[in-house]
């Protein structure tokens, strides 16, 4: 096992993202909280959830660290959820979801009605987002969820939200029974990744087990 005083975070990106979009978030988490972020890359279009979570297991194992936190943006949160279902024995740590649709994603359902868009989504999205799910966080680590209310994005046009949303995911869609904490910030779905406040709250939860907002 590597000798390392830093705390480590595995970042899992969302649909059609490469992982590098977490650069600013990672920089802030390192500078303000001493959290070293490792971006895990996968292809939701080419791979099913079983293959993705197997690769994530190898990625975490190769870090060889005594503790590890997880941050998932959008679909990345569901990857983390399925990862703990399949590989529950992991080093201790905490988890933060950023704009993750923990129940059915209305925007994804509407987009999936287009044959062209559906083909671009891939099997993991079809399985996780295109039908209602009754998920519950039962894993032995704290989970904090951040939802956004800045409605910027095509998702709001597709889903016709009648509630606060981040432009892609409705606030109600982010709520997951069993989560430790849930807060709402005035950010968009992609804006979460560049928001100083989101970085602050993410670091606060990963290091303290709670958000600063109450």
N, C-alpha and C. Protein backbone atom coordinates (compact mmCIF):
# COMPACT_ATOMS: atom_id res chain seq x y z
N UNK A 1 0.84 -1.20 0.00
CA UNK A 1 0.00 0.00 0.00
C UNK A 1 0.88 1.25 0.00
N UNK A 2 0.48 2.24 -0.77
CA UNK A 2 1.26 3.46 -0.87
C UNK A 2 1.17 4.28 0.41
N UNK A 3 2.31 4.86 0.83
CA UNK A 3 2.33 5.79 1.95
C UNK A 3 1.94 7.17 1.42
N UNK A 4 0.82 7.70 1.87
CA UNK A 4 0.31 8.95 1.30
C UNK A 4 -0.56 9.64 2.33
N UNK A 5 -0.22 10.90 2.67
CA UNK A 5 -0.98 11.64 3.67
C UNK A 5 -2.22 12.29 3.07
N UNK A 6 -2.29 12.42 1.76
CA UNK A 6 -3.42 13.09 1.11
C UNK A 6 -4.68 12.22 1.19
N UNK A 7 -5.82 12.89 1.13
CA UNK A 7 -7.08 12.18 0.97
C UNK A 7 -7.39 12.09 -0.52
N UNK A 8 -7.96 10.98 -0.95
CA UNK A 8 -8.15 10.73 -2.36
C UNK A 8 -9.63 10.68 -2.73
N UNK A 9 -9.92 11.18 -3.93
CA UNK A 9 -11.28 11.24 -4.45
C UNK A 9 -11.30 10.66 -5.86
N UNK A 10 -12.23 9.78 -6.13
CA UNK A 10 -12.45 9.30 -7.49
C UNK A 10 -13.64 10.06 -8.07
N UNK A 11 -13.40 10.77 -9.16
CA UNK A 11 -14.45 11.52 -9.85
C UNK A 11 -14.96 10.69 -11.02
N UNK A 12 -16.29 10.53 -11.09
CA UNK A 12 -16.92 9.75 -12.16
C UNK A 12 -17.81 10.70 -12.96
N UNK A 13 -17.50 10.87 -14.23
CA UNK A 13 -18.18 11.87 -15.07
C UNK A 13 -19.55 11.40 -15.55
N UNK A 14 -20.26 12.31 -16.19
CA UNK A 14 -21.59 12.01 -16.71
C UNK A 14 -21.56 11.63 -18.18
N UNK A 15 -22.74 11.52 -18.75
CA UNK A 15 -22.91 11.10 -20.15
C UNK A 15 -22.22 12.08 -21.10
N UNK A 16 -21.49 11.53 -22.06
CA UNK A 16 -20.82 12.29 -23.12
C UNK A 16 -19.72 13.22 -22.59
N UNK A 17 -19.25 12.97 -21.40
CA UNK A 17 -18.16 13.76 -20.83
C UNK A 17 -16.88 12.91 -20.80
N UNK A 18 -15.70 13.55 -20.88
CA UNK A 18 -14.45 12.78 -20.89
C UNK A 18 -13.79 12.64 -19.53
N UNK A 19 -14.21 13.41 -18.55
CA UNK A 19 -13.57 13.38 -17.24
C UNK A 19 -12.72 14.61 -16.98
N UNK A 20 -12.15 15.17 -18.05
CA UNK A 20 -11.30 16.35 -17.90
C UNK A 20 -12.06 17.59 -17.50
N UNK A 21 -13.38 17.56 -17.65
CA UNK A 21 -14.20 18.73 -17.27
C UNK A 21 -14.16 18.97 -15.76
N UNK A 22 -13.61 18.03 -15.01
CA UNK A 22 -13.52 18.16 -13.55
C UNK A 22 -12.27 18.92 -13.11
N UNK A 23 -11.48 19.43 -14.05
CA UNK A 23 -10.19 20.02 -13.73
C UNK A 23 -10.30 21.15 -12.71
N UNK A 24 -11.24 22.07 -12.91
CA UNK A 24 -11.37 23.20 -12.00
C UNK A 24 -11.86 22.75 -10.63
N UNK A 25 -12.83 21.85 -10.63
CA UNK A 25 -13.32 21.28 -9.37
C UNK A 25 -12.18 20.59 -8.63
N UNK A 26 -11.40 19.80 -9.35
CA UNK A 26 -10.28 19.08 -8.74
C UNK A 26 -9.25 20.05 -8.16
N UNK A 27 -8.98 21.12 -8.89
CA UNK A 27 -8.02 22.12 -8.42
C UNK A 27 -8.49 22.75 -7.11
N UNK A 28 -9.75 23.08 -7.02
CA UNK A 28 -10.28 23.70 -5.81
C UNK A 28 -10.31 22.73 -4.63
N UNK A 29 -10.65 21.48 -4.90
CA UNK A 29 -10.68 20.49 -3.82
C UNK A 29 -9.27 20.24 -3.27
N UNK A 30 -8.28 20.27 -4.15
CA UNK A 30 -6.90 20.08 -3.70
C UNK A 30 -6.41 21.29 -2.92
N UNK A 31 -6.66 22.47 -3.46
CA UNK A 31 -6.16 23.71 -2.85
C UNK A 31 -6.83 23.99 -1.51
N UNK A 32 -8.14 23.79 -1.44
CA UNK A 32 -8.88 24.19 -0.24
C UNK A 32 -9.04 23.09 0.79
N UNK A 33 -8.97 21.82 0.35
CA UNK A 33 -9.22 20.72 1.28
C UNK A 33 -8.15 19.64 1.28
N UNK A 34 -7.14 19.76 0.43
CA UNK A 34 -6.11 18.74 0.36
C UNK A 34 -6.59 17.43 -0.23
N UNK A 35 -7.63 17.49 -1.06
CA UNK A 35 -8.21 16.29 -1.67
C UNK A 35 -7.62 16.07 -3.06
N UNK A 36 -7.01 14.93 -3.27
CA UNK A 36 -6.40 14.58 -4.56
C UNK A 36 -7.43 13.86 -5.41
N UNK A 37 -7.81 14.45 -6.54
CA UNK A 37 -8.88 13.90 -7.38
C UNK A 37 -8.30 13.06 -8.52
N UNK A 38 -8.87 11.89 -8.70
CA UNK A 38 -8.50 10.99 -9.79
C UNK A 38 -9.73 10.80 -10.68
N UNK A 39 -9.67 11.23 -11.92
CA UNK A 39 -10.81 11.14 -12.83
C UNK A 39 -10.87 9.76 -13.47
N UNK A 40 -11.99 9.10 -13.32
CA UNK A 40 -12.23 7.79 -13.94
C UNK A 40 -13.00 8.00 -15.24
N UNK A 41 -12.45 7.50 -16.33
CA UNK A 41 -13.07 7.66 -17.65
C UNK A 41 -13.72 6.35 -18.09
N UNK A 42 -14.87 6.47 -18.74
CA UNK A 42 -15.57 5.30 -19.26
C UNK A 42 -16.43 5.75 -20.43
N UNK A 43 -16.94 4.79 -21.19
CA UNK A 43 -17.83 5.10 -22.31
C UNK A 43 -19.20 4.54 -22.03
N UNK A 44 -20.16 5.42 -21.75
CA UNK A 44 -21.53 4.97 -21.53
C UNK A 44 -22.17 4.49 -22.82
N UNK A 45 -21.67 5.00 -23.96
CA UNK A 45 -22.24 4.63 -25.26
C UNK A 45 -21.83 3.22 -25.66
N UNK A 46 -20.56 2.86 -25.37
CA UNK A 46 -20.05 1.58 -25.84
C UNK A 46 -20.15 0.46 -24.80
N UNK A 47 -20.36 0.82 -23.54
CA UNK A 47 -20.28 -0.19 -22.47
C UNK A 47 -21.55 -0.23 -21.63
N UNK A 48 -21.86 -1.42 -21.14
CA UNK A 48 -22.93 -1.59 -20.19
C UNK A 48 -22.44 -1.33 -18.78
N UNK A 49 -23.35 -1.25 -17.83
CA UNK A 49 -22.98 -0.91 -16.46
C UNK A 49 -22.11 -1.97 -15.81
N UNK A 50 -22.29 -3.21 -16.15
CA UNK A 50 -21.46 -4.27 -15.57
C UNK A 50 -19.99 -4.08 -15.95
N UNK A 51 -19.75 -3.77 -17.22
CA UNK A 51 -18.37 -3.55 -17.68
C UNK A 51 -17.78 -2.28 -17.06
N UNK A 52 -18.58 -1.22 -17.00
CA UNK A 52 -18.10 0.04 -16.44
C UNK A 52 -17.71 -0.13 -14.98
N UNK A 53 -18.57 -0.79 -14.19
CA UNK A 53 -18.27 -0.94 -12.77
C UNK A 53 -17.08 -1.87 -12.54
N UNK A 54 -16.87 -2.84 -13.42
CA UNK A 54 -15.69 -3.70 -13.30
C UNK A 54 -14.41 -2.90 -13.53
N UNK A 55 -14.45 -1.99 -14.50
CA UNK A 55 -13.29 -1.13 -14.74
C UNK A 55 -13.06 -0.17 -13.57
N UNK A 56 -14.14 0.31 -12.98
CA UNK A 56 -14.01 1.19 -11.83
C UNK A 56 -13.40 0.45 -10.65
N UNK A 57 -13.78 -0.79 -10.47
CA UNK A 57 -13.18 -1.60 -9.40
C UNK A 57 -11.67 -1.73 -9.59
N UNK A 58 -11.23 -1.96 -10.80
CA UNK A 58 -9.80 -2.05 -11.08
C UNK A 58 -9.11 -0.71 -10.85
N UNK A 59 -9.78 0.37 -11.23
CA UNK A 59 -9.24 1.72 -11.07
C UNK A 59 -9.02 2.03 -9.60
N UNK A 60 -10.01 1.72 -8.76
CA UNK A 60 -9.90 1.99 -7.33
C UNK A 60 -8.84 1.10 -6.69
N UNK A 61 -8.82 -0.16 -7.07
CA UNK A 61 -7.82 -1.08 -6.52
C UNK A 61 -6.40 -0.63 -6.83
N UNK A 62 -6.19 -0.13 -8.05
CA UNK A 62 -4.85 0.29 -8.45
C UNK A 62 -4.37 1.55 -7.74
N UNK A 63 -5.29 2.30 -7.14
CA UNK A 63 -4.87 3.48 -6.37
C UNK A 63 -4.09 3.08 -5.13
N UNK A 64 -4.42 1.93 -4.58
CA UNK A 64 -3.73 1.39 -3.39
C UNK A 64 -3.70 2.40 -2.25
N UNK A 65 -4.87 2.94 -1.90
CA UNK A 65 -4.96 3.91 -0.82
C UNK A 65 -5.88 3.36 0.28
N UNK A 66 -5.66 3.77 1.53
CA UNK A 66 -6.45 3.22 2.65
C UNK A 66 -7.87 3.76 2.73
N UNK A 67 -8.12 4.91 2.12
CA UNK A 67 -9.45 5.50 2.13
C UNK A 67 -9.67 6.22 0.81
N UNK A 68 -10.90 6.25 0.35
CA UNK A 68 -11.18 6.92 -0.92
C UNK A 68 -12.62 7.44 -0.92
N UNK A 69 -12.77 8.70 -1.33
CA UNK A 69 -14.09 9.30 -1.51
C UNK A 69 -14.49 9.20 -2.98
N UNK A 70 -15.78 9.43 -3.25
CA UNK A 70 -16.28 9.40 -4.62
C UNK A 70 -17.15 10.64 -4.88
N UNK A 71 -17.00 11.20 -6.08
CA UNK A 71 -17.86 12.28 -6.55
C UNK A 71 -18.39 11.88 -7.92
N UNK A 72 -19.71 11.88 -8.08
CA UNK A 72 -20.31 11.52 -9.36
C UNK A 72 -21.15 12.66 -9.89
N UNK A 73 -20.89 13.05 -11.13
CA UNK A 73 -21.70 14.08 -11.78
C UNK A 73 -22.72 13.41 -12.69
N UNK A 74 -24.00 13.73 -12.50
CA UNK A 74 -25.07 13.23 -13.37
C UNK A 74 -25.07 11.70 -13.41
N UNK A 75 -24.93 11.10 -14.58
CA UNK A 75 -24.91 9.64 -14.71
C UNK A 75 -23.80 9.03 -13.86
N UNK A 76 -22.74 9.78 -13.63
CA UNK A 76 -21.64 9.26 -12.82
C UNK A 76 -22.08 8.83 -11.43
N UNK A 77 -23.08 9.51 -10.88
CA UNK A 77 -23.60 9.10 -9.58
C UNK A 77 -24.23 7.71 -9.63
N UNK A 78 -24.91 7.41 -10.72
CA UNK A 78 -25.53 6.10 -10.87
C UNK A 78 -24.49 5.01 -11.10
N UNK A 79 -23.39 5.38 -11.76
CA UNK A 79 -22.28 4.43 -11.89
C UNK A 79 -21.76 4.07 -10.50
N UNK A 80 -21.59 5.08 -9.65
CA UNK A 80 -21.12 4.84 -8.29
C UNK A 80 -22.12 3.98 -7.51
N UNK A 81 -23.39 4.27 -7.67
CA UNK A 81 -24.43 3.48 -7.01
C UNK A 81 -24.34 2.01 -7.40
N UNK A 82 -24.25 1.75 -8.70
CA UNK A 82 -24.16 0.36 -9.17
C UNK A 82 -22.83 -0.28 -8.76
N UNK A 83 -21.78 0.53 -8.69
CA UNK A 83 -20.47 0.04 -8.26
C UNK A 83 -20.54 -0.50 -6.84
N UNK A 84 -21.17 0.23 -5.93
CA UNK A 84 -21.27 -0.24 -4.55
C UNK A 84 -22.22 -1.42 -4.41
N UNK A 85 -23.21 -1.50 -5.27
CA UNK A 85 -24.07 -2.69 -5.29
C UNK A 85 -23.26 -3.94 -5.60
N UNK A 86 -22.38 -3.81 -6.57
CA UNK A 86 -21.63 -4.97 -7.06
C UNK A 86 -20.35 -5.22 -6.26
N UNK A 87 -19.72 -4.14 -5.81
CA UNK A 87 -18.45 -4.25 -5.08
C UNK A 87 -18.55 -3.48 -3.77
N UNK A 88 -19.29 -3.99 -2.80
CA UNK A 88 -19.53 -3.24 -1.57
C UNK A 88 -18.31 -3.09 -0.66
N UNK A 89 -17.37 -3.99 -0.76
CA UNK A 89 -16.20 -3.93 0.13
C UNK A 89 -15.14 -3.01 -0.44
N UNK A 90 -15.20 -1.75 -0.03
CA UNK A 90 -14.28 -0.73 -0.52
C UNK A 90 -13.62 -0.02 0.66
N UNK A 91 -12.50 0.68 0.41
CA UNK A 91 -11.91 1.50 1.48
C UNK A 91 -12.92 2.52 1.97
N UNK A 92 -12.83 2.93 3.22
CA UNK A 92 -13.80 3.89 3.77
C UNK A 92 -13.73 5.25 3.09
N UNK A 93 -14.82 5.99 3.18
CA UNK A 93 -14.86 7.32 2.58
C UNK A 93 -16.30 7.79 2.46
N UNK A 94 -16.47 8.94 1.81
CA UNK A 94 -17.79 9.53 1.62
C UNK A 94 -18.08 9.72 0.14
N UNK A 95 -19.33 10.07 -0.17
CA UNK A 95 -19.77 10.18 -1.57
C UNK A 95 -20.57 11.46 -1.74
N UNK A 96 -20.36 12.15 -2.87
CA UNK A 96 -21.19 13.30 -3.24
C UNK A 96 -21.71 13.09 -4.65
N UNK A 97 -23.00 13.28 -4.83
CA UNK A 97 -23.62 13.27 -6.16
C UNK A 97 -23.90 14.71 -6.57
N UNK A 98 -23.56 15.04 -7.80
CA UNK A 98 -23.80 16.37 -8.36
C UNK A 98 -24.83 16.25 -9.49
N UNK A 99 -26.05 16.68 -9.25
CA UNK A 99 -27.07 16.65 -10.30
C UNK A 99 -27.36 15.26 -10.84
N UNK A 100 -27.31 14.27 -9.99
CA UNK A 100 -27.58 12.89 -10.42
C UNK A 100 -29.07 12.59 -10.39
N UNK A 101 -29.64 12.14 -11.51
CA UNK A 101 -31.06 11.77 -11.52
C UNK A 101 -31.24 10.39 -10.89
N UNK A 102 -31.51 10.36 -9.61
CA UNK A 102 -31.58 9.10 -8.89
C UNK A 102 -32.85 8.31 -9.18
N UNK A 103 -33.87 8.99 -9.70
CA UNK A 103 -35.05 8.29 -10.18
C UNK A 103 -35.08 8.48 -11.70
N UNK A 104 -36.22 8.23 -12.33
CA UNK A 104 -36.32 8.38 -13.78
C UNK A 104 -35.92 9.79 -14.22
N UNK A 105 -35.13 9.89 -15.29
CA UNK A 105 -34.77 11.19 -15.86
C UNK A 105 -35.77 11.55 -16.96
N UNK A 106 -36.60 12.55 -16.70
CA UNK A 106 -37.61 12.93 -17.69
C UNK A 106 -36.96 13.46 -18.98
N UNK A 107 -35.87 14.18 -18.84
CA UNK A 107 -35.18 14.70 -20.02
C UNK A 107 -34.62 13.56 -20.86
N UNK A 108 -34.03 12.56 -20.21
CA UNK A 108 -33.47 11.42 -20.94
C UNK A 108 -34.56 10.61 -21.63
N UNK A 109 -35.70 10.46 -20.95
CA UNK A 109 -36.81 9.71 -21.54
C UNK A 109 -37.29 10.39 -22.82
N UNK A 110 -37.45 11.71 -22.77
CA UNK A 110 -37.90 12.44 -23.95
C UNK A 110 -36.87 12.38 -25.06
N UNK A 111 -35.59 12.56 -24.72
CA UNK A 111 -34.54 12.49 -25.73
C UNK A 111 -34.44 11.09 -26.33
N UNK A 112 -34.68 10.07 -25.50
CA UNK A 112 -34.58 8.69 -25.97
C UNK A 112 -35.65 8.30 -26.97
N UNK A 113 -36.67 9.12 -27.13
CA UNK A 113 -37.71 8.82 -28.13
C UNK A 113 -37.22 9.09 -29.54
N UNK A 114 -36.12 9.81 -29.65
CA UNK A 114 -35.47 9.99 -30.95
C UNK A 114 -34.53 8.81 -31.18
N UNK A 115 -34.68 8.11 -32.29
CA UNK A 115 -33.85 6.94 -32.57
C UNK A 115 -32.37 7.33 -32.63
N UNK A 116 -32.09 8.49 -33.19
CA UNK A 116 -30.71 8.95 -33.32
C UNK A 116 -30.10 9.23 -31.95
N UNK A 117 -30.82 9.97 -31.12
CA UNK A 117 -30.31 10.31 -29.80
C UNK A 117 -30.20 9.05 -28.93
N UNK A 118 -31.18 8.17 -29.04
CA UNK A 118 -31.16 6.93 -28.27
C UNK A 118 -29.91 6.11 -28.57
N UNK A 119 -29.52 6.08 -29.85
CA UNK A 119 -28.31 5.33 -30.23
C UNK A 119 -27.06 5.93 -29.61
N UNK A 120 -27.07 7.25 -29.41
CA UNK A 120 -25.91 7.92 -28.82
C UNK A 120 -25.84 7.76 -27.31
N UNK A 121 -26.92 7.36 -26.70
CA UNK A 121 -26.94 7.22 -25.24
C UNK A 121 -26.21 5.98 -24.77
N UNK A 122 -26.41 4.87 -25.45
CA UNK A 122 -25.74 3.64 -25.04
C UNK A 122 -26.55 2.82 -24.06
N UNK A 123 -26.12 1.57 -23.82
CA UNK A 123 -26.89 0.63 -23.00
C UNK A 123 -26.99 1.02 -21.53
N UNK A 124 -25.95 1.62 -20.98
CA UNK A 124 -25.99 1.96 -19.56
C UNK A 124 -27.04 3.02 -19.27
N UNK A 125 -27.17 4.01 -20.18
CA UNK A 125 -28.16 5.06 -19.99
C UNK A 125 -29.57 4.49 -20.15
N UNK A 126 -29.76 3.66 -21.16
CA UNK A 126 -31.07 3.07 -21.40
C UNK A 126 -31.53 2.28 -20.18
N UNK A 127 -30.61 1.56 -19.57
CA UNK A 127 -30.97 0.73 -18.42
C UNK A 127 -31.22 1.55 -17.16
N UNK A 128 -30.46 2.62 -16.97
CA UNK A 128 -30.53 3.38 -15.72
C UNK A 128 -31.51 4.54 -15.74
N UNK A 129 -31.71 5.19 -16.89
CA UNK A 129 -32.44 6.45 -16.91
C UNK A 129 -33.76 6.44 -17.67
N UNK A 130 -33.99 5.46 -18.51
CA UNK A 130 -35.16 5.51 -19.38
C UNK A 130 -36.39 4.81 -18.81
N UNK A 131 -36.29 4.38 -17.58
CA UNK A 131 -37.47 3.82 -16.91
C UNK A 131 -37.37 4.12 -15.42
N UNK A 132 -38.51 4.20 -14.74
CA UNK A 132 -38.49 4.54 -13.31
C UNK A 132 -37.70 3.51 -12.50
N UNK A 133 -37.01 4.01 -11.49
CA UNK A 133 -36.23 3.15 -10.60
C UNK A 133 -36.59 3.47 -9.15
N UNK A 134 -36.66 2.45 -8.33
CA UNK A 134 -36.87 2.65 -6.90
C UNK A 134 -35.54 2.37 -6.20
N UNK A 135 -34.69 3.35 -6.20
CA UNK A 135 -33.38 3.20 -5.58
C UNK A 135 -33.43 3.71 -4.13
N UNK A 136 -32.52 3.17 -3.33
CA UNK A 136 -32.34 3.61 -1.95
C UNK A 136 -30.88 3.45 -1.58
N UNK A 137 -30.32 4.47 -0.93
CA UNK A 137 -28.91 4.42 -0.53
C UNK A 137 -28.81 3.63 0.78
N UNK A 138 -28.29 2.42 0.70
CA UNK A 138 -28.18 1.54 1.86
C UNK A 138 -26.73 1.20 2.18
N UNK A 139 -25.81 1.85 1.49
CA UNK A 139 -24.40 1.49 1.64
C UNK A 139 -23.79 2.16 2.87
N UNK A 140 -22.73 1.55 3.37
CA UNK A 140 -22.15 1.98 4.65
C UNK A 140 -21.18 3.14 4.48
N UNK A 141 -21.66 4.19 3.87
CA UNK A 141 -20.87 5.41 3.78
C UNK A 141 -21.81 6.58 3.53
N UNK A 142 -21.49 7.76 4.10
CA UNK A 142 -22.38 8.92 3.96
C UNK A 142 -22.48 9.39 2.50
N UNK A 143 -23.67 9.81 2.12
CA UNK A 143 -23.92 10.35 0.78
C UNK A 143 -24.52 11.75 0.89
N UNK A 144 -23.89 12.72 0.24
CA UNK A 144 -24.43 14.06 0.13
C UNK A 144 -24.81 14.35 -1.31
N UNK A 145 -25.94 15.01 -1.52
CA UNK A 145 -26.44 15.28 -2.86
C UNK A 145 -26.59 16.78 -3.07
N UNK A 146 -26.08 17.28 -4.19
CA UNK A 146 -26.24 18.68 -4.57
C UNK A 146 -27.10 18.76 -5.82
N UNK A 147 -28.18 19.53 -5.74
CA UNK A 147 -29.06 19.76 -6.89
C UNK A 147 -28.96 21.23 -7.30
N UNK A 148 -29.28 21.52 -8.54
CA UNK A 148 -29.19 22.88 -9.05
C UNK A 148 -30.55 23.44 -9.45
N UNK A 149 -30.63 24.79 -9.47
CA UNK A 149 -31.88 25.45 -9.83
C UNK A 149 -31.72 26.48 -10.95
N UNK A 150 -30.55 26.51 -11.59
CA UNK A 150 -30.37 27.43 -12.71
C UNK A 150 -30.73 26.68 -13.99
N UNK A 151 -31.88 26.99 -14.54
CA UNK A 151 -32.44 26.20 -15.63
C UNK A 151 -31.83 26.55 -16.98
N UNK A 152 -30.58 26.15 -17.16
CA UNK A 152 -29.88 26.36 -18.43
C UNK A 152 -29.59 25.01 -19.05
N UNK A 153 -30.13 24.76 -20.25
CA UNK A 153 -29.89 23.48 -20.91
C UNK A 153 -31.10 23.03 -21.70
N UNK A 154 -30.85 22.15 -22.67
CA UNK A 154 -31.92 21.66 -23.52
C UNK A 154 -32.88 20.74 -22.78
N UNK A 155 -32.41 20.19 -21.68
CA UNK A 155 -33.24 19.26 -20.94
C UNK A 155 -34.55 19.86 -20.49
N UNK A 156 -34.54 21.14 -20.13
CA UNK A 156 -35.78 21.78 -19.68
C UNK A 156 -36.80 21.87 -20.80
N UNK A 157 -36.34 21.99 -22.04
CA UNK A 157 -37.25 22.03 -23.18
C UNK A 157 -37.83 20.65 -23.45
N UNK A 158 -37.00 19.62 -23.27
CA UNK A 158 -37.45 18.25 -23.54
C UNK A 158 -38.42 17.77 -22.46
N UNK A 159 -38.08 18.04 -21.21
CA UNK A 159 -38.85 17.47 -20.10
C UNK A 159 -40.06 18.32 -19.72
N UNK A 160 -40.03 19.62 -20.04
CA UNK A 160 -41.12 20.50 -19.63
C UNK A 160 -41.28 20.54 -18.12
N UNK A 161 -40.19 20.77 -17.41
CA UNK A 161 -40.22 20.75 -15.95
C UNK A 161 -41.23 21.75 -15.39
N UNK A 162 -42.00 21.29 -14.42
CA UNK A 162 -42.90 22.17 -13.68
C UNK A 162 -42.40 22.31 -12.25
N UNK A 163 -41.12 22.23 -12.10
CA UNK A 163 -40.47 22.38 -10.81
C UNK A 163 -39.10 23.00 -11.05
N UNK A 164 -38.40 23.33 -9.99
CA UNK A 164 -37.04 23.83 -10.13
C UNK A 164 -36.15 22.75 -10.72
N UNK A 165 -35.24 23.17 -11.60
CA UNK A 165 -34.34 22.21 -12.24
C UNK A 165 -33.02 22.91 -12.57
N UNK A 166 -32.03 22.11 -12.94
CA UNK A 166 -30.73 22.66 -13.32
C UNK A 166 -30.58 22.77 -14.84
N UNK A 167 -31.71 22.64 -15.55
CA UNK A 167 -31.69 22.67 -17.00
C UNK A 167 -31.66 21.29 -17.62
N UNK A 168 -31.34 20.29 -16.82
CA UNK A 168 -31.30 18.90 -17.30
C UNK A 168 -32.03 17.96 -16.35
N UNK A 169 -31.88 18.20 -15.06
CA UNK A 169 -32.44 17.31 -14.03
C UNK A 169 -33.28 18.12 -13.05
N UNK A 170 -34.48 17.65 -12.77
CA UNK A 170 -35.33 18.30 -11.78
C UNK A 170 -34.83 18.05 -10.37
N UNK A 171 -35.07 19.00 -9.48
CA UNK A 171 -34.62 18.84 -8.09
C UNK A 171 -35.20 17.57 -7.48
N UNK A 172 -36.46 17.28 -7.73
CA UNK A 172 -37.08 16.08 -7.15
C UNK A 172 -36.42 14.81 -7.66
N UNK A 173 -35.88 14.86 -8.87
CA UNK A 173 -35.23 13.67 -9.45
C UNK A 173 -33.90 13.35 -8.79
N UNK A 174 -33.34 14.32 -8.07
CA UNK A 174 -32.05 14.09 -7.42
C UNK A 174 -32.19 13.47 -6.03
N UNK A 175 -33.39 13.46 -5.49
CA UNK A 175 -33.57 12.99 -4.12
C UNK A 175 -33.51 11.46 -4.05
N UNK A 176 -32.69 10.97 -3.14
CA UNK A 176 -32.49 9.52 -3.01
C UNK A 176 -32.71 9.13 -1.55
N UNK A 177 -33.72 8.30 -1.27
CA UNK A 177 -33.93 7.86 0.11
C UNK A 177 -32.67 7.22 0.69
N UNK A 178 -32.38 7.55 1.93
CA UNK A 178 -31.20 7.01 2.58
C UNK A 178 -29.99 7.90 2.53
N UNK A 179 -30.05 8.97 1.71
CA UNK A 179 -28.93 9.91 1.62
C UNK A 179 -28.78 10.64 2.95
N UNK A 180 -27.55 11.03 3.26
CA UNK A 180 -27.26 11.72 4.51
C UNK A 180 -27.71 13.17 4.47
N UNK A 181 -27.50 13.84 3.34
CA UNK A 181 -27.79 15.27 3.24
C UNK A 181 -28.10 15.62 1.80
N UNK A 182 -28.89 16.68 1.62
CA UNK A 182 -29.30 17.13 0.29
C UNK A 182 -29.42 18.65 0.33
N UNK A 183 -28.74 19.33 -0.60
CA UNK A 183 -28.86 20.79 -0.67
C UNK A 183 -29.13 21.22 -2.10
N UNK A 184 -29.66 22.43 -2.23
CA UNK A 184 -29.99 22.99 -3.54
C UNK A 184 -29.23 24.30 -3.70
N UNK A 185 -28.52 24.45 -4.83
CA UNK A 185 -27.74 25.65 -5.10
C UNK A 185 -28.16 26.26 -6.44
N UNK A 186 -27.98 27.57 -6.63
CA UNK A 186 -28.38 28.22 -7.89
C UNK A 186 -27.35 28.02 -8.99
N UNK A 187 -27.23 26.77 -9.46
CA UNK A 187 -26.26 26.42 -10.50
C UNK A 187 -26.95 25.56 -11.55
N UNK A 188 -26.37 25.53 -12.75
CA UNK A 188 -26.90 24.68 -13.82
C UNK A 188 -26.23 23.31 -13.77
N UNK A 189 -26.70 22.43 -14.63
CA UNK A 189 -26.20 21.05 -14.62
C UNK A 189 -24.69 21.00 -14.90
N UNK A 190 -24.24 21.70 -15.92
CA UNK A 190 -22.81 21.74 -16.22
C UNK A 190 -22.09 22.77 -15.37
N UNK A 191 -22.82 23.83 -14.98
CA UNK A 191 -22.21 24.87 -14.16
C UNK A 191 -21.76 24.38 -12.80
N UNK A 192 -22.31 23.26 -12.34
CA UNK A 192 -21.87 22.67 -11.07
C UNK A 192 -20.37 22.42 -11.05
N UNK A 193 -19.84 22.07 -12.20
CA UNK A 193 -18.44 21.65 -12.27
C UNK A 193 -17.47 22.81 -12.21
N UNK A 194 -17.96 24.03 -12.39
CA UNK A 194 -17.08 25.20 -12.34
C UNK A 194 -17.48 26.15 -11.21
N UNK A 195 -18.45 25.79 -10.42
CA UNK A 195 -18.96 26.64 -9.36
C UNK A 195 -18.08 26.58 -8.12
N UNK A 196 -17.57 27.72 -7.63
CA UNK A 196 -16.80 27.72 -6.39
C UNK A 196 -17.62 27.21 -5.20
N UNK A 197 -18.92 27.54 -5.17
CA UNK A 197 -19.77 27.11 -4.06
C UNK A 197 -19.97 25.60 -4.06
N UNK A 198 -20.16 25.03 -5.24
CA UNK A 198 -20.30 23.57 -5.32
C UNK A 198 -19.01 22.89 -4.86
N UNK A 199 -17.87 23.41 -5.27
CA UNK A 199 -16.58 22.86 -4.84
C UNK A 199 -16.44 22.95 -3.32
N UNK A 200 -16.85 24.10 -2.76
CA UNK A 200 -16.76 24.30 -1.32
C UNK A 200 -17.64 23.30 -0.57
N UNK A 201 -18.88 23.14 -1.03
CA UNK A 201 -19.80 22.23 -0.36
C UNK A 201 -19.38 20.77 -0.54
N UNK A 202 -18.85 20.45 -1.72
CA UNK A 202 -18.36 19.09 -1.96
C UNK A 202 -17.22 18.76 -1.01
N UNK A 203 -16.25 19.65 -0.92
CA UNK A 203 -15.12 19.43 -0.02
C UNK A 203 -15.55 19.38 1.42
N UNK A 204 -16.52 20.23 1.79
CA UNK A 204 -17.04 20.25 3.16
C UNK A 204 -17.64 18.89 3.51
N UNK A 205 -18.43 18.33 2.59
CA UNK A 205 -19.07 17.06 2.89
C UNK A 205 -18.05 15.92 2.93
N UNK A 206 -17.13 15.91 1.99
CA UNK A 206 -16.15 14.82 1.93
C UNK A 206 -15.24 14.80 3.16
N UNK A 207 -14.94 15.96 3.69
CA UNK A 207 -14.02 16.02 4.84
C UNK A 207 -14.73 16.05 6.18
N UNK A 208 -15.97 16.57 6.23
CA UNK A 208 -16.67 16.72 7.50
C UNK A 208 -17.93 15.86 7.61
N UNK A 209 -18.41 15.34 6.50
CA UNK A 209 -19.61 14.51 6.54
C UNK A 209 -20.91 15.27 6.56
N UNK A 210 -20.85 16.59 6.25
CA UNK A 210 -22.07 17.40 6.22
C UNK A 210 -21.82 18.62 5.31
N UNK A 211 -22.89 19.17 4.77
CA UNK A 211 -22.80 20.41 4.04
C UNK A 211 -22.85 21.58 5.02
N UNK A 212 -22.39 22.73 4.58
CA UNK A 212 -22.43 23.90 5.45
C UNK A 212 -23.82 24.50 5.49
N UNK A 213 -24.61 24.31 4.42
CA UNK A 213 -25.99 24.81 4.38
C UNK A 213 -26.90 23.93 5.21
N UNK A 214 -27.79 24.55 5.94
CA UNK A 214 -28.76 23.81 6.75
C UNK A 214 -30.14 24.41 6.59
